[in-house]
Amino acid sequence: MTDELAEIDEHTPAFLDFAVSADATDNTAVFEITADAADDLEAMAGALSWVRAAIHAAGGSTRGWSIAGVGAVEVEALATTC
């Protein structure tokens, strides 16, 4: 997954950075994506799309993928410009 996210990062100007952590005890992963976006919705849509693309590129499946199925999703603006 991290190799695939690095590939997306390299070729996608709006994808600025990422971090991934996992917890094998509860079978979860946390993806932190930094994106250049006009608003929170655009940032979230991009981040979810990039993570899903990385899962597919790594040979995984996203059957039943939806915002509800993804788990907790948070968007935090780091900086805004006018």
Protein backbone atom coordinates (compact mmCIF):
# COMPACT_ATOMS: atom_id res chain seq x y z
CA MET A 1 0.00 0.00 0.00
CA THR A 2 2.68 2.52 0.89
CA ASP A 3 4.53 1.86 -2.36
CA GLU A 4 1.32 2.44 -4.29
CA LEU A 5 0.52 5.63 -2.35
CA ALA A 6 4.07 6.86 -3.03
CA GLU A 7 3.50 6.26 -6.75
CA ILE A 8 0.23 8.22 -6.65
CA ASP A 9 1.95 10.98 -4.65
CA GLU A 10 4.70 11.24 -7.27
CA HIS A 11 2.23 11.68 -10.15
CA THR A 12 -0.60 13.66 -8.54
CA PRO A 13 0.10 17.35 -7.83
CA ALA A 14 -2.83 17.72 -5.40
CA PHE A 15 -1.55 14.77 -3.31
CA LEU A 16 1.05 16.47 -1.12
CA ASP A 17 2.03 13.86 1.50
CA PHE A 18 0.84 10.79 3.39
CA ALA A 19 1.41 8.64 6.45
CA VAL A 20 0.08 5.16 7.17
CA SER A 21 -0.14 3.30 10.45
CA ALA A 22 -1.69 -0.06 11.30
CA ASP A 23 -2.78 -1.98 14.37
CA ALA A 24 -2.75 -5.75 13.96
CA THR A 25 -4.56 -6.27 17.26
CA ASP A 26 -7.80 -4.82 15.87
CA ASN A 27 -7.02 -5.18 12.15
CA THR A 28 -7.20 -1.45 11.38
CA ALA A 29 -5.18 1.00 9.34
CA VAL A 30 -5.03 4.79 9.50
CA PHE A 31 -4.24 6.81 6.38
CA GLU A 32 -3.29 10.46 6.79
CA ILE A 33 -3.32 12.32 3.49
CA THR A 34 -2.27 15.92 2.94
CA ALA A 35 -3.94 17.38 -0.14
CA ASP A 36 -4.12 20.69 -1.94
CA ALA A 37 -7.87 21.20 -2.30
CA ALA A 38 -10.38 24.03 -2.61
CA ASP A 39 -12.42 22.76 0.34
CA ASP A 40 -12.87 19.91 2.82
CA LEU A 41 -15.14 17.91 0.52
CA GLU A 42 -12.64 18.02 -2.34
CA ALA A 43 -9.83 16.99 0.04
CA MET A 44 -11.84 14.06 1.42
CA ALA A 45 -12.95 12.90 -2.04
CA GLY A 46 -9.36 12.96 -3.28
CA ALA A 47 -7.98 11.17 -0.23
CA LEU A 48 -10.59 8.40 -0.36
CA SER A 49 -10.05 7.98 -4.08
CA TRP A 50 -6.27 7.76 -3.73
CA VAL A 51 -6.46 5.24 -0.88
CA ARG A 52 -8.92 3.11 -2.84
CA ALA A 53 -6.72 3.26 -5.95
CA ALA A 54 -3.72 2.17 -3.86
CA ILE A 55 -5.67 -0.77 -2.43
CA HIS A 56 -6.60 -1.88 -5.96
CA ALA A 57 -3.06 -1.39 -7.28
CA ALA A 58 -1.74 -3.52 -4.42
CA GLY A 59 -4.13 -6.32 -5.44
CA GLY A 60 -6.77 -5.68 -2.79
CA SER A 61 -10.52 -5.44 -3.09
CA THR A 62 -12.88 -2.71 -1.93
CA ARG A 63 -16.15 -4.65 -2.15
CA GLY A 64 -18.88 -2.73 -0.34
CA TRP A 65 -16.78 0.45 -0.33
CA SER A 66 -18.72 3.46 0.88
CA ILE A 67 -18.13 6.34 3.26
CA ALA A 68 -20.06 4.38 5.90
CA GLY A 69 -17.92 1.30 5.26
CA VAL A 70 -14.64 3.19 5.39
CA GLY A 71 -14.87 3.99 9.08
CA ALA A 72 -14.03 7.25 10.78
CA VAL A 73 -13.23 10.03 8.32
CA GLU A 74 -11.96 13.42 9.46
CA VAL A 75 -10.91 16.45 7.46
CA GLU A 76 -8.83 19.18 9.02
CA ALA A 77 -7.82 22.31 7.12
CA LEU A 78 -4.14 23.06 7.66
CA ALA A 79 -4.10 26.37 5.86
CA THR A 80 -6.43 28.40 3.70
CA THR A 81 -5.78 31.17 1.24
CA CYS A 82 -8.11 33.83 -0.11
